Every structure is written in C-alpha cells, then in structure tokens.
Amino acid sequence: MASKNHRVKTVDDATKTPLKTKEYEKELRRLHVELVKLQQWVVSKGLKVCIVFEGRDGAGKGGTIKAITERVSPRVFRVVALPAPTDKEKSQLYFQRYVPHLPSAGEIVIFDRSWYNRAGVERVMGFCTEEQVEKFLDGTPVMEKAMVDAGTILLKYWLEVTPKEQERRLRDRINDGRKTWKLSPMDIKSFTMWDEYTAARDAMFKATDTAWAPWFVARSEDKKRVRLNIISHLLSQIPYKDLHTETMDLPKRKIGKAKPAKYPFRYIDEKF
C-alpha cells in the first residue's frame, strides 16, 4: 500500500496570491507543447493511459480537463463523462459500464468522474446500499491492479476545494447564464452535505490508495494554478521523449487561374 499521508491540505495551509493571467497563459502554452509531445509518444509506442478526475462539485474538474485537452487531438485524448446509469446498466456488474471506455493502445482516456461515483455521490445520496459500497471498495484495488498489470498507466486525481470557495463557485453558476447548465438539483442537494462527502472521501482514500494506483490530491482554490500543477504532474508521471519530426514548410501556389463561380452565396449578416 502507498503511504497514508492523507491530510488533505486547503488554501489555509499556504496562502498564495492569484496567478496573473499573462503568467498563466505563458506557462500553459509551454505545457501544451509538452502535451503534444506526449501525445505523439503515446501513439508511437502504443501506450494506454487512463486518467481519473474526482472531487466535490465546483472543484474545477471540467476546467482542468479542458485545459489539458484544448490543444491536443480528441482522437488520442478521449474524455468520458457518463450520464446516470440506465435501468439496464443498474442490473449489470458495477464496473461493466466503464470497461468499454478504457483506453486501447495509443489512447489517453480522461474520466470526468468515474467508477468512483459509487464511493462518493452514490453513497452520500443513498443511490446504493452500504453493502454495495463495501464490495466496491474491496474490489476496486483488484480491478485497478488488473488494469495496471495489463499495461495501463492509471493516474487518479482528487481536486480539493474549501467550503467557502465551493460556495462562491456554485453561486456564480446560479448568477451566470453561461454556467447554469453546470448546476443540477443534485448539486443543490449535495451542498448541505459537506461532512458526509468528507467522510466518504476519506473512506475512499483509505481503501483505494494503493502502490499501483495512488491518489494524487491537488488544491484547486486557484483554478489557474491547479491546472498548471496537474498538467505538470501528469507529464512527470509518463516518461516520454520528443519525437523529432521534419520541419514542414508550405509550398508556393498559384492563385487566379480559376474563375469565381457566379453563385448566390448566402452570407450571414455581419453584425459585429
């Protein structure tokens, strides 16, 4: 088992000034270049990479995943965000609905919430029995060991946010029309159950933090910092090399020989 130094730090442990946008964008650009190199390496070597993101509502999972994937190929970096299980899926072996989404050679699959729903949301909100939770906690290390033994690189991240910052972000979702889709009745109900989620998180860590699939905790009080920190950590966990490619240049081309078609194109109104 991995060491259990699991006191999850909060922003109170180390106060930092917010990262400036210019500094953030400069570093993110550099990391994006490295992610492209990693992408080429994963495809070239046929690696299988599975990345799990968990955390409370409003912890910043979606924004972090977007920062990772915005400059790479969706055919290599595949994001999985499953909806609530159907009645058919509820009758299946619990892990069955996740197995088809696991990475094949040359893929990096990112789970925006994962099989760990059972240890968190389902447990706290009463969508499963305590017996089902215990079976899940007992069986998950075995399943993950099988994944790793089969050659999958498995990374598990927990984004930790303070109650104050979580409340600020959830209120922002209510007041910002661009973000209302992020807020569900489940989020509202969960808001009053901070302690229950804390207990569920701690039990999950205790049972599933293993030498072959440890949990990595990232403080997400500053969204810019946590994105950079996680990308940097991710890159450090997967040894890769820069596959030098030939420098490309655009050839000369000739324009003007083809006559423009006399067609009534439907141009959109230029309101801006």
C-alpha atoms as a PDB file:
ATOM      1  CA  MET A   1       0.000   0.000   0.000  1.00  0.00           C
ATOM      2  CA  ALA A   2       1.071   3.585  -0.600  1.00  0.00           C
ATOM      3  CA  SER A   3       1.840   5.781   2.367  1.00  0.00           C
ATOM      4  CA  LYS A   4      -1.209   7.258   4.041  1.00  0.00           C
ATOM      5  CA  ASN A   5      -0.084  10.871   4.417  1.00  0.00           C
ATOM      6  CA  HIS A   6      -3.566  11.918   3.578  1.00  0.00           C
ATOM      7  CA  ARG A   7      -4.250  15.126   5.416  1.00  0.00           C
ATOM      8  CA  VAL A   8      -5.821  16.986   2.529  1.00  0.00           C
ATOM      9  CA  LYS A   9      -4.406  20.492   2.536  1.00  0.00           C
ATOM     10  CA  THR A  10      -6.554  23.546   1.985  1.00  0.00           C
ATOM     11  CA  VAL A  11      -5.697  27.051   0.962  1.00  0.00           C
ATOM     12  CA  ASP A  12      -5.253  27.888   4.656  1.00  0.00           C
ATOM     13  CA  ASP A  13      -2.065  25.829   4.656  1.00  0.00           C
ATOM     14  CA  ALA A  14      -0.327  28.097   2.212  1.00  0.00           C
ATOM     15  CA  THR A  15      -1.776  31.438   1.171  1.00  0.00           C
ATOM     16  CA  LYS A  16      -0.788  32.398  -2.349  1.00  0.00           C
ATOM     17  CA  THR A  17      -1.662  35.379  -4.462  1.00  0.00           C
ATOM     18  CA  PRO A  18      -3.771  34.539  -7.530  1.00  0.00           C
ATOM     19  CA  LEU A  19      -1.740  33.701 -10.594  1.00  0.00           C
ATOM     20  CA  LYS A  20      -1.746  36.501 -13.161  1.00  0.00           C
ATOM     21  CA  THR A  21      -3.393  35.721 -16.474  1.00  0.00           C
ATOM     22  CA  LYS A  22      -0.318  36.616 -18.565  1.00  0.00           C
ATOM     23  CA  GLU A  23       1.907  34.342 -16.488  1.00  0.00           C
ATOM     24  CA  TYR A  24      -0.699  31.570 -16.613  1.00  0.00           C
ATOM     25  CA  GLU A  25      -1.096  31.734 -20.382  1.00  0.00           C
ATOM     26  CA  LYS A  26       2.662  31.697 -20.948  1.00  0.00           C
ATOM     27  CA  GLU A  27       3.167  28.604 -18.805  1.00  0.00           C
ATOM     28  CA  LEU A  28       0.071  26.885 -20.190  1.00  0.00           C
ATOM     29  CA  ARG A  29       1.369  27.376 -23.716  1.00  0.00           C
ATOM     30  CA  ARG A  30       4.660  25.713 -22.757  1.00  0.00           C
ATOM     31  CA  LEU A  31       2.835  22.797 -21.149  1.00  0.00           C
ATOM     32  CA  HIS A  32       0.577  22.416 -24.177  1.00  0.00           C
ATOM     33  CA  VAL A  33       3.665  21.907 -26.330  1.00  0.00           C
ATOM     34  CA  GLU A  34       4.756  19.136 -23.954  1.00  0.00           C
ATOM     35  CA  LEU A  35       1.301  17.535 -24.085  1.00  0.00           C
ATOM     36  CA  VAL A  36       1.573  17.395 -27.868  1.00  0.00           C
ATOM     37  CA  LYS A  37       4.943  15.651 -27.490  1.00  0.00           C
ATOM     38  CA  LEU A  38       3.360  13.230 -25.024  1.00  0.00           C
ATOM     39  CA  GLN A  39       0.523  12.603 -27.461  1.00  0.00           C
ATOM     40  CA  GLN A  40       2.944  11.690 -30.239  1.00  0.00           C
ATOM     41  CA  TRP A  41       4.872   9.405 -27.885  1.00  0.00           C
ATOM     42  CA  VAL A  42       1.732   7.601 -26.674  1.00  0.00           C
ATOM     43  CA  VAL A  43       0.608   6.959 -30.246  1.00  0.00           C
ATOM     44  CA  SER A  44       4.082   5.898 -31.381  1.00  0.00           C
ATOM     45  CA  LYS A  45       4.596   3.472 -28.505  1.00  0.00           C
ATOM     46  CA  GLY A  46       1.021   2.225 -28.294  1.00  0.00           C
ATOM     47  CA  LEU A  47       0.660   3.263 -24.646  1.00  0.00           C
ATOM     48  CA  LYS A  48      -2.621   3.054 -22.754  1.00  0.00           C
ATOM     49  CA  VAL A  49      -3.225   5.918 -20.329  1.00  0.00           C
ATOM     50  CA  CYS A  50      -6.256   6.293 -18.053  1.00  0.00           C
ATOM     51  CA  ILE A  51      -6.714   9.477 -16.022  1.00  0.00           C
ATOM     52  CA  VAL A  52      -9.442   9.769 -13.385  1.00  0.00           C
ATOM     53  CA  PHE A  53     -10.675  13.110 -12.053  1.00  0.00           C
ATOM     54  CA  GLU A  54     -12.737  13.217  -8.892  1.00  0.00           C
ATOM     55  CA  GLY A  55     -13.670  15.949  -6.422  1.00  0.00           C
ATOM     56  CA  ARG A  56     -16.578  17.832  -4.937  1.00  0.00           C
ATOM     57  CA  ASP A  57     -18.993  19.854  -7.044  1.00  0.00           C
ATOM     58  CA  GLY A  58     -17.272  23.044  -8.159  1.00  0.00           C
ATOM     59  CA  ALA A  59     -13.763  21.752  -7.517  1.00  0.00           C
ATOM     60  CA  GLY A  60     -12.661  22.563 -11.068  1.00  0.00           C
ATOM     61  CA  LYS A  61     -12.576  19.166 -12.759  1.00  0.00           C
ATOM     62  CA  GLY A  62     -14.147  20.340 -16.005  1.00  0.00           C
ATOM     63  CA  GLY A  63     -11.904  23.375 -16.398  1.00  0.00           C
ATOM     64  CA  THR A  64      -8.803  21.311 -15.706  1.00  0.00           C
ATOM     65  CA  ILE A  65      -9.791  18.678 -18.256  1.00  0.00           C
ATOM     66  CA  LYS A  66     -10.475  21.410 -20.816  1.00  0.00           C
ATOM     67  CA  ALA A  67      -7.027  22.919 -20.178  1.00  0.00           C
ATOM     68  CA  ILE A  68      -5.448  19.507 -20.795  1.00  0.00           C
ATOM     69  CA  THR A  69      -7.336  18.732 -23.982  1.00  0.00           C
ATOM     70  CA  GLU A  70      -7.797  22.060 -25.770  1.00  0.00           C
ATOM     71  CA  ARG A  71      -4.624  21.756 -27.907  1.00  0.00           C
ATOM     72  CA  VAL A  72      -4.402  18.018 -28.492  1.00  0.00           C
ATOM     73  CA  SER A  73      -6.254  15.566 -30.712  1.00  0.00           C
ATOM     74  CA  PRO A  74      -9.634  14.299 -29.459  1.00  0.00           C
ATOM     75  CA  ARG A  75      -8.821  11.050 -31.242  1.00  0.00           C
ATOM     76  CA  VAL A  76      -5.964  10.472 -28.798  1.00  0.00           C
ATOM     77  CA  PHE A  77      -7.162  12.361 -25.711  1.00  0.00           C
ATOM     78  CA  ARG A  78     -10.678  10.993 -25.234  1.00  0.00           C
ATOM     79  CA  VAL A  79     -12.898  12.447 -22.487  1.00  0.00           C
ATOM     80  CA  VAL A  80     -15.517  10.194 -20.888  1.00  0.00           C
ATOM     81  CA  ALA A  81     -18.329  11.759 -18.854  1.00  0.00           C
ATOM     82  CA  LEU A  82     -21.032   9.144 -18.444  1.00  0.00           C
ATOM     83  CA  PRO A  83     -24.637  10.096 -17.613  1.00  0.00           C
ATOM     84  CA  ALA A  84     -26.645   8.459 -14.857  1.00  0.00           C
ATOM     85  CA  PRO A  85     -26.891   4.691 -15.388  1.00  0.00           C
ATOM     86  CA  THR A  86     -29.911   3.273 -17.176  1.00  0.00           C
ATOM     87  CA  ASP A  87     -32.081   0.558 -15.628  1.00  0.00           C
ATOM     88  CA  LYS A  88     -30.214  -1.989 -17.750  1.00  0.00           C
ATOM     89  CA  GLU A  89     -26.823  -0.711 -16.548  1.00  0.00           C
ATOM     90  CA  LYS A  90     -28.016  -0.777 -12.949  1.00  0.00           C
ATOM     91  CA  SER A  91     -28.627  -4.515 -13.329  1.00  0.00           C
ATOM     92  CA  GLN A  92     -25.099  -5.162 -14.633  1.00  0.00           C
ATOM     93  CA  LEU A  93     -21.850  -5.768 -12.827  1.00  0.00           C
ATOM     94  CA  TYR A  94     -20.961  -2.326 -11.483  1.00  0.00           C
ATOM     95  CA  PHE A  95     -17.710  -1.912 -13.432  1.00  0.00           C
ATOM     96  CA  GLN A  96     -19.266  -3.225 -16.641  1.00  0.00           C
ATOM     97  CA  ARG A  97     -20.374   0.174 -17.978  1.00  0.00           C
ATOM     98  CA  TYR A  98     -16.872   1.604 -17.575  1.00  0.00           C
ATOM     99  CA  VAL A  99     -14.836  -1.193 -19.162  1.00  0.00           C
ATOM    100  CA  PRO A 100     -15.770  -0.358 -22.805  1.00  0.00           C
ATOM    101  CA  HIS A 101     -14.396   3.160 -22.286  1.00  0.00           C
ATOM    102  CA  LEU A 102     -10.965   2.098 -21.031  1.00  0.00           C
ATOM    103  CA  PRO A 103      -8.051   3.060 -23.304  1.00  0.00           C
ATOM    104  CA  SER A 104      -6.768   0.979 -26.167  1.00  0.00           C
ATOM    105  CA  ALA A 105      -3.208   1.264 -27.467  1.00  0.00           C
ATOM    106  CA  GLY A 106      -2.345   4.821 -28.434  1.00  0.00           C
ATOM    107  CA  GLU A 107      -5.101   6.419 -26.356  1.00  0.00           C
ATOM    108  CA  ILE A 108      -5.306   8.685 -23.322  1.00  0.00           C
ATOM    109  CA  VAL A 109      -8.751   8.424 -21.736  1.00  0.00           C
ATOM    110  CA  ILE A 110      -9.816  11.029 -19.189  1.00  0.00           C
ATOM    111  CA  PHE A 111     -12.749  10.213 -16.913  1.00  0.00           C
ATOM    112  CA  ASP A 112     -14.685  13.270 -15.740  1.00  0.00           C
ATOM    113  CA  ARG A 113     -15.960  11.341 -12.741  1.00  0.00           C
ATOM    114  CA  SER A 114     -15.555   7.608 -12.935  1.00  0.00           C
ATOM    115  CA  TRP A 115     -16.335   4.335 -11.202  1.00  0.00           C
ATOM    116  CA  TYR A 116     -15.634   6.262  -8.000  1.00  0.00           C
ATOM    117  CA  ASN A 117     -19.170   7.663  -8.214  1.00  0.00           C
ATOM    118  CA  ARG A 118     -20.117   4.703  -6.053  1.00  0.00           C
ATOM    119  CA  ALA A 119     -17.744   5.779  -3.284  1.00  0.00           C
ATOM    120  CA  GLY A 120     -18.924   9.393  -3.424  1.00  0.00           C
ATOM    121  CA  VAL A 121     -22.189  10.613  -4.916  1.00  0.00           C
ATOM    122  CA  GLU A 122     -23.992   7.276  -4.849  1.00  0.00           C
ATOM    123  CA  ARG A 123     -23.012   6.583  -1.263  1.00  0.00           C
ATOM    124  CA  VAL A 124     -23.804  10.017   0.128  1.00  0.00           C
ATOM    125  CA  MET A 125     -27.052  10.467  -1.786  1.00  0.00           C
ATOM    126  CA  GLY A 126     -28.303   6.970  -0.947  1.00  0.00           C
ATOM    127  CA  PHE A 127     -28.300   5.598  -4.505  1.00  0.00           C
ATOM    128  CA  CYS A 128     -26.688   2.367  -3.348  1.00  0.00           C
ATOM    129  CA  THR A 129     -26.529   0.314  -0.174  1.00  0.00           C
ATOM    130  CA  GLU A 130     -23.649   0.288   2.284  1.00  0.00           C
ATOM    131  CA  GLU A 131     -23.075  -3.345   1.348  1.00  0.00           C
ATOM    132  CA  GLN A 132     -22.630  -2.314  -2.285  1.00  0.00           C
ATOM    133  CA  VAL A 133     -20.192   0.396  -1.233  1.00  0.00           C
ATOM    134  CA  GLU A 134     -18.113  -2.020   0.807  1.00  0.00           C
ATOM    135  CA  LYS A 135     -17.983  -4.503  -2.070  1.00  0.00           C
ATOM    136  CA  PHE A 136     -16.894  -1.678  -4.361  1.00  0.00           C
ATOM    137  CA  LEU A 137     -14.134  -0.539  -2.001  1.00  0.00           C
ATOM    138  CA  ASP A 138     -12.908  -4.119  -1.626  1.00  0.00           C
ATOM    139  CA  GLY A 139     -12.994  -4.859  -5.343  1.00  0.00           C
ATOM    140  CA  THR A 140     -11.649  -1.624  -6.825  1.00  0.00           C
ATOM    141  CA  PRO A 141      -7.975  -2.192  -5.899  1.00  0.00           C
ATOM    142  CA  VAL A 142      -8.193  -5.616  -7.525  1.00  0.00           C
ATOM    143  CA  MET A 143      -9.696  -4.205 -10.714  1.00  0.00           C
ATOM    144  CA  GLU A 144      -7.142  -1.417 -10.876  1.00  0.00           C
ATOM    145  CA  LYS A 145      -4.305  -3.881 -10.279  1.00  0.00           C
ATOM    146  CA  ALA A 146      -5.565  -5.875 -13.262  1.00  0.00           C
ATOM    147  CA  MET A 147      -5.606  -2.693 -15.368  1.00  0.00           C
ATOM    148  CA  VAL A 148      -2.051  -1.779 -14.414  1.00  0.00           C
ATOM    149  CA  ASP A 149      -0.787  -5.350 -14.876  1.00  0.00           C
ATOM    150  CA  ALA A 150      -2.297  -5.280 -18.380  1.00  0.00           C
ATOM    151  CA  GLY A 151      -0.148  -2.273 -19.216  1.00  0.00           C
ATOM    152  CA  THR A 152      -2.466   0.655 -18.472  1.00  0.00           C
ATOM    153  CA  ILE A 153      -0.917   3.741 -16.917  1.00  0.00           C
ATOM    154  CA  LEU A 154      -3.509   4.789 -14.322  1.00  0.00           C
ATOM    155  CA  LEU A 155      -3.491   8.254 -12.745  1.00  0.00           C
ATOM    156  CA  LYS A 156      -6.105   9.298 -10.168  1.00  0.00           C
ATOM    157  CA  TYR A 157      -6.569  12.953  -9.200  1.00  0.00           C
ATOM    158  CA  TRP A 158      -8.708  14.385  -6.443  1.00  0.00           C
ATOM    159  CA  LEU A 159      -9.337  18.154  -6.647  1.00  0.00           C
ATOM    160  CA  GLU A 160      -9.831  19.621  -3.194  1.00  0.00           C
ATOM    161  CA  VAL A 161     -11.681  22.897  -2.669  1.00  0.00           C
ATOM    162  CA  THR A 162     -12.617  24.724   0.547  1.00  0.00           C
ATOM    163  CA  PRO A 163     -16.263  25.204   1.583  1.00  0.00           C
ATOM    164  CA  LYS A 164     -16.013  28.965   1.066  1.00  0.00           C
ATOM    165  CA  GLU A 165     -14.636  28.718  -2.455  1.00  0.00           C
ATOM    166  CA  GLN A 166     -17.071  25.973  -3.400  1.00  0.00           C
ATOM    167  CA  GLU A 167     -19.984  28.148  -2.313  1.00  0.00           C
ATOM    168  CA  ARG A 168     -18.634  31.108  -4.298  1.00  0.00           C
ATOM    169  CA  ARG A 169     -18.359  28.981  -7.456  1.00  0.00           C
ATOM    170  CA  LEU A 170     -21.810  27.426  -7.073  1.00  0.00           C
ATOM    171  CA  ARG A 171     -23.384  30.868  -6.537  1.00  0.00           C
ATOM    172  CA  ASP A 172     -21.564  32.067  -9.631  1.00  0.00           C
ATOM    173  CA  ARG A 173     -23.185  29.262 -11.607  1.00  0.00           C
ATOM    174  CA  ILE A 174     -26.602  30.442 -10.455  1.00  0.00           C
ATOM    175  CA  ASN A 175     -25.939  34.041 -11.452  1.00  0.00           C
ATOM    176  CA  ASP A 176     -24.067  33.483 -14.712  1.00  0.00           C
ATOM    177  CA  GLY A 177     -26.262  32.407 -17.631  1.00  0.00           C
ATOM    178  CA  ARG A 178     -23.249  30.753 -19.280  1.00  0.00           C
ATOM    179  CA  LYS A 179     -22.826  28.379 -16.362  1.00  0.00           C
ATOM    180  CA  THR A 180     -26.345  27.456 -15.276  1.00  0.00           C
ATOM    181  CA  TRP A 181     -26.073  24.158 -17.171  1.00  0.00           C
ATOM    182  CA  LYS A 182     -23.346  23.121 -14.716  1.00  0.00           C
ATOM    183  CA  LEU A 183     -25.747  23.294 -11.774  1.00  0.00           C
ATOM    184  CA  SER A 184     -28.172  20.434 -11.198  1.00  0.00           C
ATOM    185  CA  PRO A 185     -30.757  19.722  -8.479  1.00  0.00           C
ATOM    186  CA  MET A 186     -28.261  17.111  -7.242  1.00  0.00           C
ATOM    187  CA  ASP A 187     -25.639  19.821  -6.725  1.00  0.00           C
ATOM    188  CA  ILE A 188     -28.093  21.862  -4.652  1.00  0.00           C
ATOM    189  CA  LYS A 189     -28.994  18.879  -2.505  1.00  0.00           C
ATOM    190  CA  SER A 190     -25.345  17.917  -2.095  1.00  0.00           C
ATOM    191  CA  PHE A 191     -24.431  21.428  -0.970  1.00  0.00           C
ATOM    192  CA  THR A 192     -25.728  20.794   2.551  1.00  0.00           C
ATOM    193  CA  MET A 193     -23.824  17.513   2.936  1.00  0.00           C
ATOM    194  CA  TRP A 194     -20.205  18.661   3.179  1.00  0.00           C
ATOM    195  CA  ASP A 195     -19.348  16.461   6.168  1.00  0.00           C
ATOM    196  CA  GLU A 196     -20.911  13.382   4.606  1.00  0.00           C
ATOM    197  CA  TYR A 197     -18.809  13.865   1.465  1.00  0.00           C
ATOM    198  CA  THR A 198     -15.712  14.347   3.610  1.00  0.00           C
ATOM    199  CA  ALA A 199     -16.317  11.035   5.366  1.00  0.00           C
ATOM    200  CA  ALA A 200     -16.944   9.296   2.034  1.00  0.00           C
ATOM    201  CA  ARG A 201     -13.766  10.763   0.556  1.00  0.00           C
ATOM    202  CA  ASP A 202     -11.653   9.640   3.478  1.00  0.00           C
ATOM    203  CA  ALA A 203     -13.058   6.102   3.349  1.00  0.00           C
ATOM    204  CA  MET A 204     -12.371   6.009  -0.388  1.00  0.00           C
ATOM    205  CA  PHE A 205      -8.766   7.108   0.090  1.00  0.00           C
ATOM    206  CA  LYS A 206      -8.186   4.565   2.842  1.00  0.00           C
ATOM    207  CA  ALA A 207      -9.470   1.669   0.737  1.00  0.00           C
ATOM    208  CA  THR A 208      -8.223   2.559  -2.753  1.00  0.00           C
ATOM    209  CA  ASP A 209      -4.929   4.446  -2.349  1.00  0.00           C
ATOM    210  CA  THR A 210      -2.532   1.697  -3.399  1.00  0.00           C
ATOM    211  CA  ALA A 211       1.056   1.390  -4.505  1.00  0.00           C
ATOM    212  CA  TRP A 212      -0.092   0.545  -8.050  1.00  0.00           C
ATOM    213  CA  ALA A 213      -2.827   3.211  -8.243  1.00  0.00           C
ATOM    214  CA  PRO A 214      -2.238   6.002  -5.715  1.00  0.00           C
ATOM    215  CA  TRP A 215      -4.409   9.083  -5.303  1.00  0.00           C
ATOM    216  CA  PHE A 216      -2.884  12.475  -6.051  1.00  0.00           C
ATOM    217  CA  VAL A 217      -4.548  15.440  -4.344  1.00  0.00           C
ATOM    218  CA  ALA A 218      -4.471  18.917  -5.873  1.00  0.00           C
ATOM    219  CA  ARG A 219      -5.609  22.077  -4.129  1.00  0.00           C
ATOM    220  CA  SER A 220      -7.956  23.845  -6.529  1.00  0.00           C
ATOM    221  CA  GLU A 221      -8.548  27.159  -4.771  1.00  0.00           C
ATOM    222  CA  ASP A 222      -6.812  28.948  -7.640  1.00  0.00           C
ATOM    223  CA  LYS A 223      -8.112  27.491 -10.908  1.00  0.00           C
ATOM    224  CA  LYS A 224      -5.125  28.654 -12.916  1.00  0.00           C
ATOM    225  CA  ARG A 225      -2.599  27.170 -10.511  1.00  0.00           C
ATOM    226  CA  VAL A 226      -4.310  23.806 -10.208  1.00  0.00           C
ATOM    227  CA  ARG A 227      -4.490  23.397 -13.982  1.00  0.00           C
ATOM    228  CA  LEU A 228      -0.796  24.080 -14.389  1.00  0.00           C
ATOM    229  CA  ASN A 229       0.119  21.902 -11.409  1.00  0.00           C
ATOM    230  CA  ILE A 230      -1.881  18.922 -12.631  1.00  0.00           C
ATOM    231  CA  ILE A 231      -0.624  19.119 -16.217  1.00  0.00           C
ATOM    232  CA  SER A 232       2.939  19.378 -14.938  1.00  0.00           C
ATOM    233  CA  HIS A 233       2.417  16.401 -12.637  1.00  0.00           C
ATOM    234  CA  LEU A 234       0.737  14.371 -15.377  1.00  0.00           C
ATOM    235  CA  LEU A 235       3.712  14.920 -17.680  1.00  0.00           C
ATOM    236  CA  SER A 236       6.089  13.840 -14.926  1.00  0.00           C
ATOM    237  CA  GLN A 237       4.242  10.550 -14.440  1.00  0.00           C
ATOM    238  CA  ILE A 238       4.529   9.309 -18.021  1.00  0.00           C
ATOM    239  CA  PRO A 239       8.104   9.051 -19.314  1.00  0.00           C
ATOM    240  CA  TYR A 240       8.176  10.332 -22.887  1.00  0.00           C
ATOM    241  CA  LYS A 241      10.588  11.680 -25.445  1.00  0.00           C
ATOM    242  CA  ASP A 242      10.322  14.350 -28.093  1.00  0.00           C
ATOM    243  CA  LEU A 243       9.858  12.552 -31.387  1.00  0.00           C
ATOM    244  CA  HIS A 244      11.534  14.974 -33.720  1.00  0.00           C
ATOM    245  CA  THR A 245       9.575  15.452 -36.900  1.00  0.00           C
ATOM    246  CA  GLU A 246      10.775  17.009 -40.090  1.00  0.00           C
ATOM    247  CA  THR A 247      10.300  20.754 -40.317  1.00  0.00           C
ATOM    248  CA  MET A 248       7.434  21.487 -42.673  1.00  0.00           C
ATOM    249  CA  ASP A 249       7.031  24.465 -44.960  1.00  0.00           C
ATOM    250  CA  LEU A 250       4.210  25.489 -47.246  1.00  0.00           C
ATOM    251  CA  PRO A 251       4.942  25.168 -50.952  1.00  0.00           C
ATOM    252  CA  LYS A 252       4.329  28.004 -53.398  1.00  0.00           C
ATOM    253  CA  ARG A 253       0.922  28.023 -55.002  1.00  0.00           C
ATOM    254  CA  LYS A 254      -0.677  29.772 -57.952  1.00  0.00           C
ATOM    255  CA  ILE A 255      -3.937  31.634 -57.498  1.00  0.00           C
ATOM    256  CA  GLY A 256      -6.038  33.309 -60.152  1.00  0.00           C
ATOM    257  CA  LYS A 257      -6.493  30.706 -62.874  1.00  0.00           C
ATOM    258  CA  ALA A 258      -9.884  29.536 -61.637  1.00  0.00           C
ATOM    259  CA  LYS A 259     -12.768  31.948 -62.254  1.00  0.00           C
ATOM    260  CA  PRO A 260     -15.004  32.559 -59.212  1.00  0.00           C
ATOM    261  CA  ALA A 261     -18.417  30.926 -59.530  1.00  0.00           C
ATOM    262  CA  LYS A 262     -21.375  33.241 -60.082  1.00  0.00           C
ATOM    263  CA  TYR A 263     -23.407  31.682 -57.313  1.00  0.00           C
ATOM    264  CA  PRO A 264     -25.813  33.455 -54.898  1.00  0.00           C
ATOM    265  CA  PHE A 265     -23.949  32.526 -51.716  1.00  0.00           C
ATOM    266  CA  ARG A 266     -25.960  33.068 -48.538  1.00  0.00           C
ATOM    267  CA  TYR A 267     -23.597  35.169 -46.481  1.00  0.00           C
ATOM    268  CA  ILE A 268     -24.560  35.652 -42.861  1.00  0.00           C
ATOM    269  CA  ASP A 269     -25.267  39.155 -41.544  1.00  0.00           C
ATOM    270  CA  GLU A 270     -22.103  40.799 -40.272  1.00  0.00           C
ATOM    271  CA  LYS A 271     -23.422  42.233 -37.004  1.00  0.00           C
ATOM    272  CA  PHE A 272     -20.017  42.545 -35.403  1.00  0.00           C
END
